[in-house]
Amino acid sequence: MQLRAVEDAREPLGLKATGVNILRAMISFMRADAISTAAPDHHIVYASNAAIARRAHVSVATVERQVSRLVALGLIERICARNGKRWARRTGAGQVVLVSGLSLLPLSLRHEEFLDLTSRHRALQERLMELRDSCLLALARLQDRADDLLNRASKVLRRKPDLDQLQALLAEIVAAQPVDNSCETSSVPSEMRDGSMPDEGHKEHPDNSESKEWGEAGTTAADMARSFPLLCEELTRQDNEGPMDRVMDDLARQFGLGQVWTHCREEGPQTAFVLLGHLMERAHRVRNHRAYMAAMIARVRQGEVTLPTLIRPRKRRIPVEKGLNCKHEPVFT
């Protein structure tokens, strides 16, 4: 029973199977049926390492290592002579009166401790197994829900859905995604909060927001609509949804731009409009929308890309004098 208590507590004690085998071999050398202090040889093992190794079917070096390990764990004690030898002194009648060796008394003294340790360890393992099974079931339900949503979305998008179907599908997809409040907490750029703007508080359209920088480059509102038709169409369709910056924030959230969109808004409303429109036109070819937007912002800040270069200007033909055999070439204004 004492050995079984140690075997059950082997894992929380950090005891290897070889150590239990060595301990079993040591117990086999005892004369008594129980470990006690009734006689010296009732708890002292005086067998040599070689004898223990032969009975446990291991090497002597293994016995030496495991004995040191058992002593360190407090499962046995060394009660040896100064020279480390193990021996027993007997009387003429064969009764043992003095023994030098390894004491197994801790197995008896700590028996209740081993039982309690085993009980707590089993309770912990049962709890871990319960949590693990709960995680597996939750993942299975999540996978089933995701597969069901993907199947229904695929069926809806393959057909010609109406407005209500698309809005319901988009709401369900957004609800299934993790919440990202990085765009909602972003502040409005100072250019759009300036009190000197005549139409402050009203919706702004790209057709009415030509900046001086674009005007100097010859870019018109028609060029903006021609360069970014998807963004302009989205802003026009959601006319009743609120100001332009809020609609653009919603679009950025759908693309999963996160904190990158906040950095883009810091560059000003014109830059945010152009880069978002540029991304929407190429969204079907871009794998990572957030990384693509971050790269575009970096190129704009470094001067590698300017806003007019991202806008397709209006083409104009130059009249050709008669007699010249050349084709009309477009001139970009």
C-alpha atoms as a PDB file:
ATOM      1  CA  MET A   1       0.000   0.000   0.000  1.00  0.00           C
ATOM      2  CA  GLN A   2       2.818   2.418   0.749  1.00  0.00           C
ATOM      3  CA  LEU A   3       4.527   1.589  -2.522  1.00  0.00           C
ATOM      4  CA  ARG A   4       1.228   1.985  -4.437  1.00  0.00           C
ATOM      5  CA  ALA A   5       0.762   5.435  -2.869  1.00  0.00           C
ATOM      6  CA  VAL A   6       4.167   6.488  -4.236  1.00  0.00           C
ATOM      7  CA  GLU A   7       3.388   4.987  -7.646  1.00  0.00           C
ATOM      8  CA  ASP A   8       0.121   6.931  -7.852  1.00  0.00           C
ATOM      9  CA  ALA A   9       1.892  10.167  -6.861  1.00  0.00           C
ATOM     10  CA  ARG A  10       4.756   9.526  -9.271  1.00  0.00           C
ATOM     11  CA  GLU A  11       3.805  12.250 -11.766  1.00  0.00           C
ATOM     12  CA  PRO A  12       3.270  15.137  -9.302  1.00  0.00           C
ATOM     13  CA  LEU A  13       6.409  14.061  -7.434  1.00  0.00           C
ATOM     14  CA  GLY A  14       8.446  14.105 -10.636  1.00  0.00           C
ATOM     15  CA  LEU A  15       9.521  10.493 -10.157  1.00  0.00           C
ATOM     16  CA  LYS A  16      10.457   8.366 -13.151  1.00  0.00           C
ATOM     17  CA  ALA A  17       9.322   4.783 -13.677  1.00  0.00           C
ATOM     18  CA  THR A  18      12.905   3.623 -13.166  1.00  0.00           C
ATOM     19  CA  GLY A  19      12.926   5.207  -9.717  1.00  0.00           C
ATOM     20  CA  VAL A  20       9.763   3.312  -8.762  1.00  0.00           C
ATOM     21  CA  ASN A  21      11.368   0.088  -9.987  1.00  0.00           C
ATOM     22  CA  ILE A  22      14.466   0.728  -7.865  1.00  0.00           C
ATOM     23  CA  LEU A  23      12.265   1.500  -4.869  1.00  0.00           C
ATOM     24  CA  ARG A  24      10.347  -1.748  -5.371  1.00  0.00           C
ATOM     25  CA  ALA A  25      13.621  -3.698  -5.498  1.00  0.00           C
ATOM     26  CA  MET A  26      14.795  -2.071  -2.266  1.00  0.00           C
ATOM     27  CA  ILE A  27      11.526  -3.012  -0.494  1.00  0.00           C
ATOM     28  CA  SER A  28      11.996  -6.624  -1.584  1.00  0.00           C
ATOM     29  CA  PHE A  29      15.136  -6.869   0.597  1.00  0.00           C
ATOM     30  CA  MET A  30      13.189  -6.118   3.789  1.00  0.00           C
ATOM     31  CA  ARG A  31      12.196  -8.938   6.190  1.00  0.00           C
ATOM     32  CA  ALA A  32       9.062  -7.294   7.620  1.00  0.00           C
ATOM     33  CA  ASP A  33       5.685  -6.936   5.899  1.00  0.00           C
ATOM     34  CA  ALA A  34       5.414  -3.240   6.854  1.00  0.00           C
ATOM     35  CA  ILE A  35       7.864  -0.400   7.206  1.00  0.00           C
ATOM     36  CA  SER A  36       8.235   0.389  10.896  1.00  0.00           C
ATOM     37  CA  THR A  37      10.755   1.152  13.618  1.00  0.00           C
ATOM     38  CA  ALA A  38      10.127  -2.126  15.447  1.00  0.00           C
ATOM     39  CA  ALA A  39      13.557  -3.381  14.381  1.00  0.00           C
ATOM     40  CA  PRO A  40      16.451  -1.831  12.438  1.00  0.00           C
ATOM     41  CA  ASP A  41      15.964  -4.094   9.454  1.00  0.00           C
ATOM     42  CA  HIS A  42      12.243  -3.205   9.280  1.00  0.00           C
ATOM     43  CA  HIS A  43      13.045   0.095   7.547  1.00  0.00           C
ATOM     44  CA  ILE A  44      16.764  -0.084   6.670  1.00  0.00           C
ATOM     45  CA  VAL A  45      17.940  -1.571   3.363  1.00  0.00           C
ATOM     46  CA  TYR A  46      21.562  -2.694   3.635  1.00  0.00           C
ATOM     47  CA  ALA A  47      21.768  -4.373   0.216  1.00  0.00           C
ATOM     48  CA  SER A  48      24.526  -3.041  -2.026  1.00  0.00           C
ATOM     49  CA  ASN A  49      23.964  -1.177  -5.265  1.00  0.00           C
ATOM     50  CA  ALA A  50      25.102  -4.230  -7.181  1.00  0.00           C
ATOM     51  CA  ALA A  51      22.497  -6.425  -5.463  1.00  0.00           C
ATOM     52  CA  ILE A  52      19.747  -3.864  -6.094  1.00  0.00           C
ATOM     53  CA  ALA A  53      20.854  -3.548  -9.731  1.00  0.00           C
ATOM     54  CA  ARG A  54      20.622  -7.313 -10.264  1.00  0.00           C
ATOM     55  CA  ARG A  55      17.136  -7.484  -8.754  1.00  0.00           C
ATOM     56  CA  ALA A  56      15.879  -4.432 -10.702  1.00  0.00           C
ATOM     57  CA  HIS A  57      17.586  -5.549 -13.939  1.00  0.00           C
ATOM     58  CA  VAL A  58      19.427  -2.223 -14.390  1.00  0.00           C
ATOM     59  CA  SER A  59      23.044  -1.106 -14.219  1.00  0.00           C
ATOM     60  CA  VAL A  60      24.847  -0.099 -11.053  1.00  0.00           C
ATOM     61  CA  ALA A  61      25.258   3.452 -12.380  1.00  0.00           C
ATOM     62  CA  THR A  62      21.480   3.675 -12.797  1.00  0.00           C
ATOM     63  CA  VAL A  63      20.959   2.577  -9.211  1.00  0.00           C
ATOM     64  CA  GLU A  64      23.399   5.234  -7.983  1.00  0.00           C
ATOM     65  CA  ARG A  65      21.574   7.968  -9.903  1.00  0.00           C
ATOM     66  CA  GLN A  66      18.127   6.842  -8.802  1.00  0.00           C
ATOM     67  CA  VAL A  67      19.135   6.507  -5.144  1.00  0.00           C
ATOM     68  CA  SER A  68      20.374  10.101  -5.190  1.00  0.00           C
ATOM     69  CA  ARG A  69      17.106  11.126  -6.821  1.00  0.00           C
ATOM     70  CA  LEU A  70      15.010   9.300  -4.190  1.00  0.00           C
ATOM     71  CA  VAL A  71      16.993  10.932  -1.401  1.00  0.00           C
ATOM     72  CA  ALA A  72      16.509  14.375  -2.964  1.00  0.00           C
ATOM     73  CA  LEU A  73      12.732  13.799  -3.177  1.00  0.00           C
ATOM     74  CA  GLY A  74      12.592  12.790   0.472  1.00  0.00           C
ATOM     75  CA  LEU A  75      11.391   9.248  -0.233  1.00  0.00           C
ATOM     76  CA  ILE A  76      14.371   7.575   1.456  1.00  0.00           C
ATOM     77  CA  GLU A  77      17.127   8.640   3.865  1.00  0.00           C
ATOM     78  CA  ARG A  78      20.792   7.764   4.070  1.00  0.00           C
ATOM     79  CA  ILE A  79      21.720   6.275   7.450  1.00  0.00           C
ATOM     80  CA  CYS A  80      25.160   4.982   6.628  1.00  0.00           C
ATOM     81  CA  ALA A  81      28.519   4.670   8.247  1.00  0.00           C
ATOM     82  CA  ARG A  82      31.151   7.257   7.582  1.00  0.00           C
ATOM     83  CA  ASN A  83      32.662   5.211   4.779  1.00  0.00           C
ATOM     84  CA  GLY A  84      29.245   4.907   3.072  1.00  0.00           C
ATOM     85  CA  LYS A  85      29.149   1.128   3.373  1.00  0.00           C
ATOM     86  CA  ARG A  86      25.924  -0.743   4.058  1.00  0.00           C
ATOM     87  CA  TRP A  87      26.022  -3.608   6.535  1.00  0.00           C
ATOM     88  CA  ALA A  88      24.143  -5.342   9.355  1.00  0.00           C
ATOM     89  CA  ARG A  89      25.478  -6.576  12.741  1.00  0.00           C
ATOM     90  CA  ARG A  90      23.724  -9.638  14.112  1.00  0.00           C
ATOM     91  CA  THR A  91      23.779 -11.531  17.354  1.00  0.00           C
ATOM     92  CA  GLY A  92      24.609 -15.192  17.648  1.00  0.00           C
ATOM     93  CA  ALA A  93      20.878 -15.929  17.368  1.00  0.00           C
ATOM     94  CA  GLY A  94      20.755 -14.078  14.052  1.00  0.00           C
ATOM     95  CA  GLN A  95      18.948 -11.035  15.375  1.00  0.00           C
ATOM     96  CA  VAL A  96      19.947  -7.726  13.739  1.00  0.00           C
ATOM     97  CA  VAL A  97      21.150  -5.185  16.272  1.00  0.00           C
ATOM     98  CA  LEU A  98      22.904  -2.558  14.120  1.00  0.00           C
ATOM     99  CA  VAL A  99      22.403  -1.620  10.474  1.00  0.00           C
ATOM    100  CA  SER A 100      24.013   0.908   8.131  1.00  0.00           C
ATOM    101  CA  GLY A 101      22.130   1.602   4.879  1.00  0.00           C
ATOM    102  CA  LEU A 102      19.126   3.352   3.315  1.00  0.00           C
ATOM    103  CA  SER A 103      16.035   4.049   5.424  1.00  0.00           C
ATOM    104  CA  LEU A 104      12.561   3.660   3.845  1.00  0.00           C
ATOM    105  CA  LEU A 105      10.837   5.166   6.862  1.00  0.00           C
ATOM    106  CA  PRO A 106       9.684   8.298   4.920  1.00  0.00           C
ATOM    107  CA  LEU A 107       7.372   6.046   2.889  1.00  0.00           C
ATOM    108  CA  SER A 108       5.447   5.333   6.084  1.00  0.00           C
ATOM    109  CA  LEU A 109       5.642   8.796   7.622  1.00  0.00           C
ATOM    110  CA  ARG A 110       4.504  10.569   4.421  1.00  0.00           C
ATOM    111  CA  HIS A 111       1.869   8.023   3.395  1.00  0.00           C
ATOM    112  CA  GLU A 112      -1.105  10.369   4.003  1.00  0.00           C
ATOM    113  CA  GLU A 113       0.724  13.166   2.200  1.00  0.00           C
ATOM    114  CA  PHE A 114       1.158  10.972  -0.867  1.00  0.00           C
ATOM    115  CA  LEU A 115      -2.535  10.035  -0.832  1.00  0.00           C
ATOM    116  CA  ASP A 116      -3.602  13.698  -0.630  1.00  0.00           C
ATOM    117  CA  LEU A 117      -1.156  14.654  -3.395  1.00  0.00           C
ATOM    118  CA  THR A 118      -2.556  11.914  -5.621  1.00  0.00           C
ATOM    119  CA  SER A 119      -6.137  13.021  -4.962  1.00  0.00           C
ATOM    120  CA  ARG A 120      -5.422  16.658  -5.816  1.00  0.00           C
ATOM    121  CA  HIS A 121      -3.482  15.666  -8.912  1.00  0.00           C
ATOM    122  CA  ARG A 122      -6.336  13.498 -10.182  1.00  0.00           C
ATOM    123  CA  ALA A 123      -8.838  16.322  -9.573  1.00  0.00           C
ATOM    124  CA  LEU A 124      -6.600  18.694 -11.529  1.00  0.00           C
ATOM    125  CA  GLN A 125      -6.262  16.232 -14.400  1.00  0.00           C
ATOM    126  CA  GLU A 126     -10.030  15.744 -14.534  1.00  0.00           C
ATOM    127  CA  ARG A 127     -10.528  19.513 -14.623  1.00  0.00           C
ATOM    128  CA  LEU A 128      -7.961  19.882 -17.396  1.00  0.00           C
ATOM    129  CA  MET A 129      -9.637  17.138 -19.418  1.00  0.00           C
ATOM    130  CA  GLU A 130     -13.020  18.814 -18.927  1.00  0.00           C
ATOM    131  CA  LEU A 131     -11.678  22.172 -20.100  1.00  0.00           C
ATOM    132  CA  ARG A 132      -9.929  20.553 -23.044  1.00  0.00           C
ATOM    133  CA  ASP A 133     -13.126  18.801 -24.137  1.00  0.00           C
ATOM    134  CA  SER A 134     -15.061  22.053 -23.718  1.00  0.00           C
ATOM    135  CA  CYS A 135     -12.560  23.845 -25.963  1.00  0.00           C
ATOM    136  CA  LEU A 136     -12.846  21.124 -28.604  1.00  0.00           C
ATOM    137  CA  LEU A 137     -16.648  21.312 -28.564  1.00  0.00           C
ATOM    138  CA  ALA A 138     -16.581  25.126 -28.764  1.00  0.00           C
ATOM    139  CA  LEU A 139     -14.175  24.986 -31.701  1.00  0.00           C
ATOM    140  CA  ALA A 140     -16.406  22.461 -33.453  1.00  0.00           C
ATOM    141  CA  ARG A 141     -19.450  24.711 -33.000  1.00  0.00           C
ATOM    142  CA  LEU A 142     -17.465  27.707 -34.221  1.00  0.00           C
ATOM    143  CA  GLN A 143     -16.276  25.769 -37.260  1.00  0.00           C
ATOM    144  CA  ASP A 144     -19.822  24.638 -38.052  1.00  0.00           C
ATOM    145  CA  ARG A 145     -21.085  28.202 -37.745  1.00  0.00           C
ATOM    146  CA  ALA A 146     -18.294  29.532 -39.982  1.00  0.00           C
ATOM    147  CA  ASP A 147     -18.892  26.816 -42.581  1.00  0.00           C
ATOM    148  CA  ASP A 148     -22.625  27.510 -42.541  1.00  0.00           C
ATOM    149  CA  LEU A 149     -22.031  31.254 -42.960  1.00  0.00           C
ATOM    150  CA  LEU A 150     -19.596  30.668 -45.830  1.00  0.00           C
ATOM    151  CA  ASN A 151     -22.011  28.328 -47.604  1.00  0.00           C
ATOM    152  CA  ARG A 152     -24.935  30.742 -47.295  1.00  0.00           C
ATOM    153  CA  ALA A 153     -22.781  33.690 -48.352  1.00  0.00           C
ATOM    154  CA  SER A 154     -21.563  31.758 -51.390  1.00  0.00           C
ATOM    155  CA  LYS A 155     -25.135  30.918 -52.406  1.00  0.00           C
ATOM    156  CA  VAL A 156     -26.307  34.508 -51.979  1.00  0.00           C
ATOM    157  CA  LEU A 157     -23.398  36.072 -53.865  1.00  0.00           C
ATOM    158  CA  ARG A 158     -23.650  33.611 -56.776  1.00  0.00           C
ATOM    159  CA  ARG A 159     -27.150  34.836 -57.537  1.00  0.00           C
ATOM    160  CA  LYS A 160     -28.577  38.322 -57.954  1.00  0.00           C
ATOM    161  CA  PRO A 161     -29.458  39.299 -54.401  1.00  0.00           C
ATOM    162  CA  ASP A 162     -31.558  42.325 -53.569  1.00  0.00           C
ATOM    163  CA  LEU A 163     -30.587  45.117 -51.198  1.00  0.00           C
ATOM    164  CA  ASP A 164     -32.133  43.538 -48.095  1.00  0.00           C
ATOM    165  CA  GLN A 165     -30.339  40.226 -48.638  1.00  0.00           C
ATOM    166  CA  LEU A 166     -26.948  41.884 -49.073  1.00  0.00           C
ATOM    167  CA  GLN A 167     -27.404  44.120 -46.039  1.00  0.00           C
ATOM    168  CA  ALA A 168     -28.460  41.159 -43.882  1.00  0.00           C
ATOM    169  CA  LEU A 169     -25.495  39.093 -45.096  1.00  0.00           C
ATOM    170  CA  LEU A 170     -23.026  41.923 -44.455  1.00  0.00           C
ATOM    171  CA  ALA A 171     -24.410  42.469 -40.949  1.00  0.00           C
ATOM    172  CA  GLU A 172     -24.014  38.781 -40.139  1.00  0.00           C
ATOM    173  CA  ILE A 173     -20.446  38.699 -41.472  1.00  0.00           C
ATOM    174  CA  VAL A 174     -19.460  41.816 -39.501  1.00  0.00           C
ATOM    175  CA  ALA A 175     -21.052  40.362 -36.343  1.00  0.00           C
ATOM    176  CA  ALA A 176     -18.974  37.188 -36.736  1.00  0.00           C
ATOM    177  CA  GLN A 177     -15.704  39.133 -36.954  1.00  0.00           C
ATOM    178  CA  PRO A 178     -13.719  40.270 -33.883  1.00  0.00           C
ATOM    179  CA  VAL A 179     -14.492  43.785 -32.708  1.00  0.00           C
ATOM    180  CA  ASP A 180     -11.964  46.428 -33.769  1.00  0.00           C
ATOM    181  CA  ASN A 181     -12.590  49.873 -32.313  1.00  0.00           C
ATOM    182  CA  SER A 182      -9.399  51.422 -33.635  1.00  0.00           C
ATOM    183  CA  CYS A 183     -11.235  53.299 -36.392  1.00  0.00           C
ATOM    184  CA  GLU A 184     -14.145  54.371 -34.189  1.00  0.00           C
ATOM    185  CA  THR A 185     -11.879  56.124 -31.710  1.00  0.00           C
ATOM    186  CA  SER A 186      -9.887  57.940 -34.378  1.00  0.00           C
ATOM    187  CA  SER A 187     -10.291  61.692 -34.238  1.00  0.00           C
ATOM    188  CA  VAL A 188     -11.451  63.759 -37.194  1.00  0.00           C
ATOM    189  CA  PRO A 189      -8.562  65.575 -38.951  1.00  0.00           C
ATOM    190  CA  SER A 190      -8.182  69.253 -38.182  1.00  0.00           C
ATOM    191  CA  GLU A 191      -8.870  70.187 -41.807  1.00  0.00           C
ATOM    192  CA  MET A 192     -12.386  68.727 -41.532  1.00  0.00           C
ATOM    193  CA  ARG A 193     -13.038  70.320 -38.094  1.00  0.00           C
ATOM    194  CA  ASP A 194     -12.084  73.812 -39.162  1.00  0.00           C
ATOM    195  CA  GLY A 195     -14.889  76.206 -38.311  1.00  0.00           C
ATOM    196  CA  SER A 196     -14.106  78.385 -41.342  1.00  0.00           C
ATOM    197  CA  MET A 197     -15.543  75.780 -43.725  1.00  0.00           C
ATOM    198  CA  PRO A 198     -18.824  77.156 -45.143  1.00  0.00           C
ATOM    199  CA  ASP A 199     -20.612  73.766 -45.272  1.00  0.00           C
ATOM    200  CA  GLU A 200     -19.506  72.398 -41.889  1.00  0.00           C
ATOM    201  CA  GLY A 201     -21.952  69.823 -40.570  1.00  0.00           C
ATOM    202  CA  HIS A 202     -23.189  68.795 -44.028  1.00  0.00           C
ATOM    203  CA  LYS A 203     -22.149  65.831 -46.150  1.00  0.00           C
ATOM    204  CA  GLU A 204     -19.203  66.458 -48.398  1.00  0.00           C
ATOM    205  CA  HIS A 205     -18.989  64.909 -51.854  1.00  0.00           C
ATOM    206  CA  PRO A 206     -15.807  64.471 -53.816  1.00  0.00           C
ATOM    207  CA  ASP A 207     -17.360  66.491 -56.634  1.00  0.00           C
ATOM    208  CA  ASN A 208     -17.395  69.587 -54.408  1.00  0.00           C
ATOM    209  CA  SER A 209     -14.056  69.153 -52.612  1.00  0.00           C
ATOM    210  CA  GLU A 210     -11.296  70.018 -55.091  1.00  0.00           C
ATOM    211  CA  SER A 211      -8.248  71.155 -53.154  1.00  0.00           C
ATOM    212  CA  LYS A 212      -5.831  73.821 -54.287  1.00  0.00           C
ATOM    213  CA  GLU A 213      -3.147  71.184 -54.758  1.00  0.00           C
ATOM    214  CA  TRP A 214      -5.293  69.195 -57.153  1.00  0.00           C
ATOM    215  CA  GLY A 215      -6.448  72.323 -58.934  1.00  0.00           C
ATOM    216  CA  GLU A 216      -2.893  73.345 -59.659  1.00  0.00           C
ATOM    217  CA  ALA A 217      -2.297  69.927 -61.193  1.00  0.00           C
ATOM    218  CA  GLY A 218      -5.319  70.349 -63.486  1.00  0.00           C
ATOM    219  CA  THR A 219      -7.363  67.623 -61.750  1.00  0.00           C
ATOM    220  CA  THR A 220     -11.125  68.083 -61.838  1.00  0.00           C
ATOM    221  CA  ALA A 221     -14.040  66.466 -60.035  1.00  0.00           C
ATOM    222  CA  ALA A 222     -14.750  64.427 -63.154  1.00  0.00           C
ATOM    223  CA  ASP A 223     -11.227  63.002 -62.932  1.00  0.00           C
ATOM    224  CA  MET A 224     -11.896  61.988 -59.334  1.00  0.00           C
ATOM    225  CA  ALA A 225     -15.138  60.246 -60.252  1.00  0.00           C
ATOM    226  CA  ARG A 226     -13.465  58.533 -63.201  1.00  0.00           C
ATOM    227  CA  SER A 227     -10.464  57.402 -61.103  1.00  0.00           C
ATOM    228  CA  PHE A 228     -12.403  56.139 -58.091  1.00  0.00           C
ATOM    229  CA  PRO A 229     -15.892  55.145 -59.280  1.00  0.00           C
ATOM    230  CA  LEU A 230     -16.416  52.561 -56.534  1.00  0.00           C
ATOM    231  CA  LEU A 231     -15.747  54.992 -53.699  1.00  0.00           C
ATOM    232  CA  CYS A 232     -17.783  57.781 -55.292  1.00  0.00           C
ATOM    233  CA  GLU A 233     -20.669  55.401 -55.891  1.00  0.00           C
ATOM    234  CA  GLU A 234     -20.530  54.210 -52.276  1.00  0.00           C
ATOM    235  CA  LEU A 235     -20.551  57.782 -50.960  1.00  0.00           C
ATOM    236  CA  THR A 236     -23.467  58.710 -53.186  1.00  0.00           C
ATOM    237  CA  ARG A 237     -25.461  55.594 -52.314  1.00  0.00           C
ATOM    238  CA  GLN A 238     -25.044  56.150 -48.580  1.00  0.00           C
ATOM    239  CA  ASP A 239     -26.085  59.779 -48.746  1.00  0.00           C
ATOM    240  CA  ASN A 240     -28.288  59.409 -45.692  1.00  0.00           C
ATOM    241  CA  GLU A 241     -25.752  57.522 -43.595  1.00  0.00           C
ATOM    242  CA  GLY A 242     -23.931  60.598 -42.314  1.00  0.00           C
ATOM    243  CA  PRO A 243     -20.864  62.712 -43.161  1.00  0.00           C
ATOM    244  CA  MET A 244     -18.352  61.513 -45.714  1.00  0.00           C
ATOM    245  CA  ASP A 245     -15.687  60.781 -43.099  1.00  0.00           C
ATOM    246  CA  ARG A 246     -18.021  58.432 -41.220  1.00  0.00           C
ATOM    247  CA  VAL A 247     -18.887  56.528 -44.394  1.00  0.00           C
ATOM    248  CA  MET A 248     -15.183  56.234 -45.225  1.00  0.00           C
ATOM    249  CA  ASP A 249     -14.516  54.940 -41.690  1.00  0.00           C
ATOM    250  CA  ASP A 250     -17.140  52.238 -42.217  1.00  0.00           C
ATOM    251  CA  LEU A 251     -15.542  51.234 -45.517  1.00  0.00           C
ATOM    252  CA  ALA A 252     -12.092  51.096 -43.899  1.00  0.00           C
ATOM    253  CA  ARG A 253     -13.502  48.897 -41.137  1.00  0.00           C
ATOM    254  CA  GLN A 254     -14.942  46.499 -43.714  1.00  0.00           C
ATOM    255  CA  PHE A 255     -11.495  46.207 -45.321  1.00  0.00           C
ATOM    256  CA  GLY A 256      -9.969  45.524 -41.880  1.00  0.00           C
ATOM    257  CA  LEU A 257      -7.509  48.431 -42.050  1.00  0.00           C
ATOM    258  CA  GLY A 258      -7.540  48.954 -38.271  1.00  0.00           C
ATOM    259  CA  GLN A 259      -4.910  51.354 -36.941  1.00  0.00           C
ATOM    260  CA  VAL A 260      -3.491  51.864 -40.444  1.00  0.00           C
ATOM    261  CA  TRP A 261      -6.607  53.843 -41.364  1.00  0.00           C
ATOM    262  CA  THR A 262      -5.951  56.168 -38.403  1.00  0.00           C
ATOM    263  CA  HIS A 263      -2.467  56.897 -39.787  1.00  0.00           C
ATOM    264  CA  CYS A 264      -4.005  57.493 -43.202  1.00  0.00           C
ATOM    265  CA  ARG A 265      -6.506  59.987 -41.758  1.00  0.00           C
ATOM    266  CA  GLU A 266      -3.630  61.869 -40.176  1.00  0.00           C
ATOM    267  CA  GLU A 267      -2.325  62.694 -43.666  1.00  0.00           C
ATOM    268  CA  GLY A 268      -5.446  64.762 -44.366  1.00  0.00           C
ATOM    269  CA  PRO A 269      -8.899  64.213 -45.901  1.00  0.00           C
ATOM    270  CA  GLN A 270      -7.676  64.445 -49.503  1.00  0.00           C
ATOM    271  CA  THR A 271      -4.975  61.815 -48.978  1.00  0.00           C
ATOM    272  CA  ALA A 272      -7.399  59.539 -47.134  1.00  0.00           C
ATOM    273  CA  PHE A 273      -9.954  59.841 -49.949  1.00  0.00           C
ATOM    274  CA  VAL A 274      -7.435  59.126 -52.720  1.00  0.00           C
ATOM    275  CA  LEU A 275      -5.745  56.184 -50.973  1.00  0.00           C
ATOM    276  CA  LEU A 276      -9.050  54.582 -49.964  1.00  0.00           C
ATOM    277  CA  GLY A 277     -10.398  54.954 -53.500  1.00  0.00           C
ATOM    278  CA  HIS A 278      -7.133  53.591 -54.906  1.00  0.00           C
ATOM    279  CA  LEU A 279      -7.415  50.544 -52.600  1.00  0.00           C
ATOM    280  CA  MET A 280     -11.064  49.890 -53.488  1.00  0.00           C
ATOM    281  CA  GLU A 281     -10.255  49.788 -57.201  1.00  0.00           C
ATOM    282  CA  ARG A 282      -7.568  47.146 -56.578  1.00  0.00           C
ATOM    283  CA  ALA A 283      -9.107  45.261 -53.666  1.00  0.00           C
ATOM    284  CA  HIS A 284      -9.779  42.127 -55.725  1.00  0.00           C
ATOM    285  CA  ARG A 285      -6.068  41.864 -56.599  1.00  0.00           C
ATOM    286  CA  VAL A 286      -4.665  42.677 -53.139  1.00  0.00           C
ATOM    287  CA  ARG A 287      -4.256  39.835 -50.649  1.00  0.00           C
ATOM    288  CA  ASN A 288      -3.575  41.923 -47.549  1.00  0.00           C
ATOM    289  CA  HIS A 289      -5.471  45.196 -47.608  1.00  0.00           C
ATOM    290  CA  ARG A 290      -3.930  46.517 -44.400  1.00  0.00           C
ATOM    291  CA  ALA A 291      -0.344  45.897 -45.533  1.00  0.00           C
ATOM    292  CA  TYR A 292      -1.061  47.425 -48.950  1.00  0.00           C
ATOM    293  CA  MET A 293      -2.500  50.604 -47.382  1.00  0.00           C
ATOM    294  CA  ALA A 294       0.447  50.872 -44.977  1.00  0.00           C
ATOM    295  CA  ALA A 295       2.875  50.607 -47.897  1.00  0.00           C
ATOM    296  CA  MET A 296       1.000  53.319 -49.832  1.00  0.00           C
ATOM    297  CA  ILE A 297       1.060  55.665 -46.827  1.00  0.00           C
ATOM    298  CA  ALA A 298       4.799  55.140 -46.443  1.00  0.00           C
ATOM    299  CA  ARG A 299       5.403  55.891 -50.120  1.00  0.00           C
ATOM    300  CA  VAL A 300       3.321  59.063 -49.917  1.00  0.00           C
ATOM    301  CA  ARG A 301       5.203  60.255 -46.838  1.00  0.00           C
ATOM    302  CA  GLN A 302       8.560  59.564 -48.467  1.00  0.00           C
ATOM    303  CA  GLY A 303       7.569  61.403 -51.616  1.00  0.00           C
ATOM    304  CA  GLU A 304       7.789  58.349 -53.851  1.00  0.00           C
ATOM    305  CA  VAL A 305       4.128  58.745 -54.806  1.00  0.00           C
ATOM    306  CA  THR A 306       2.124  61.964 -55.133  1.00  0.00           C
ATOM    307  CA  LEU A 307      -1.651  62.240 -55.117  1.00  0.00           C
ATOM    308  CA  PRO A 308      -2.006  63.491 -58.727  1.00  0.00           C
ATOM    309  CA  THR A 309      -0.151  60.406 -59.977  1.00  0.00           C
ATOM    310  CA  LEU A 310      -2.879  58.203 -58.473  1.00  0.00           C
ATOM    311  CA  ILE A 311      -5.624  60.059 -60.364  1.00  0.00           C
ATOM    312  CA  ARG A 312      -6.351  59.424 -64.048  1.00  0.00           C
ATOM    313  CA  PRO A 313      -6.535  62.881 -65.715  1.00  0.00           C
ATOM    314  CA  ARG A 314      -8.879  63.749 -68.540  1.00  0.00           C
ATOM    315  CA  LYS A 315      -7.470  63.093 -71.999  1.00  0.00           C
ATOM    316  CA  ARG A 316      -7.529  65.876 -74.574  1.00  0.00           C
ATOM    317  CA  ARG A 317      -6.733  65.656 -78.278  1.00  0.00           C
ATOM    318  CA  ILE A 318      -4.626  68.261 -80.081  1.00  0.00           C
ATOM    319  CA  PRO A 319      -5.678  69.231 -83.594  1.00  0.00           C
ATOM    320  CA  VAL A 320      -3.165  68.202 -86.243  1.00  0.00           C
ATOM    321  CA  GLU A 321      -2.346  70.330 -89.244  1.00  0.00           C
ATOM    322  CA  LYS A 322      -3.303  68.972 -92.569  1.00  0.00           C
ATOM    323  CA  GLY A 323      -0.617  67.161 -94.446  1.00  0.00           C
ATOM    324  CA  LEU A 324       1.040  65.730 -91.352  1.00  0.00           C
ATOM    325  CA  ASN A 325       0.838  61.962 -91.242  1.00  0.00           C
ATOM    326  CA  CYS A 326       0.755  61.430 -87.469  1.00  0.00           C
ATOM    327  CA  LYS A 327      -1.701  60.146 -84.922  1.00  0.00           C
ATOM    328  CA  HIS A 328      -3.427  62.231 -82.313  1.00  0.00           C
ATOM    329  CA  GLU A 329      -1.580  61.985 -79.027  1.00  0.00           C
ATOM    330  CA  PRO A 330      -3.333  62.656 -75.701  1.00  0.00           C
ATOM    331  CA  VAL A 331      -2.021  65.427 -73.510  1.00  0.00           C
ATOM    332  CA  PHE A 332      -2.536  65.141 -69.789  1.00  0.00           C
ATOM    333  CA  THR A 333      -3.598  68.353 -68.097  1.00  0.00           C
END
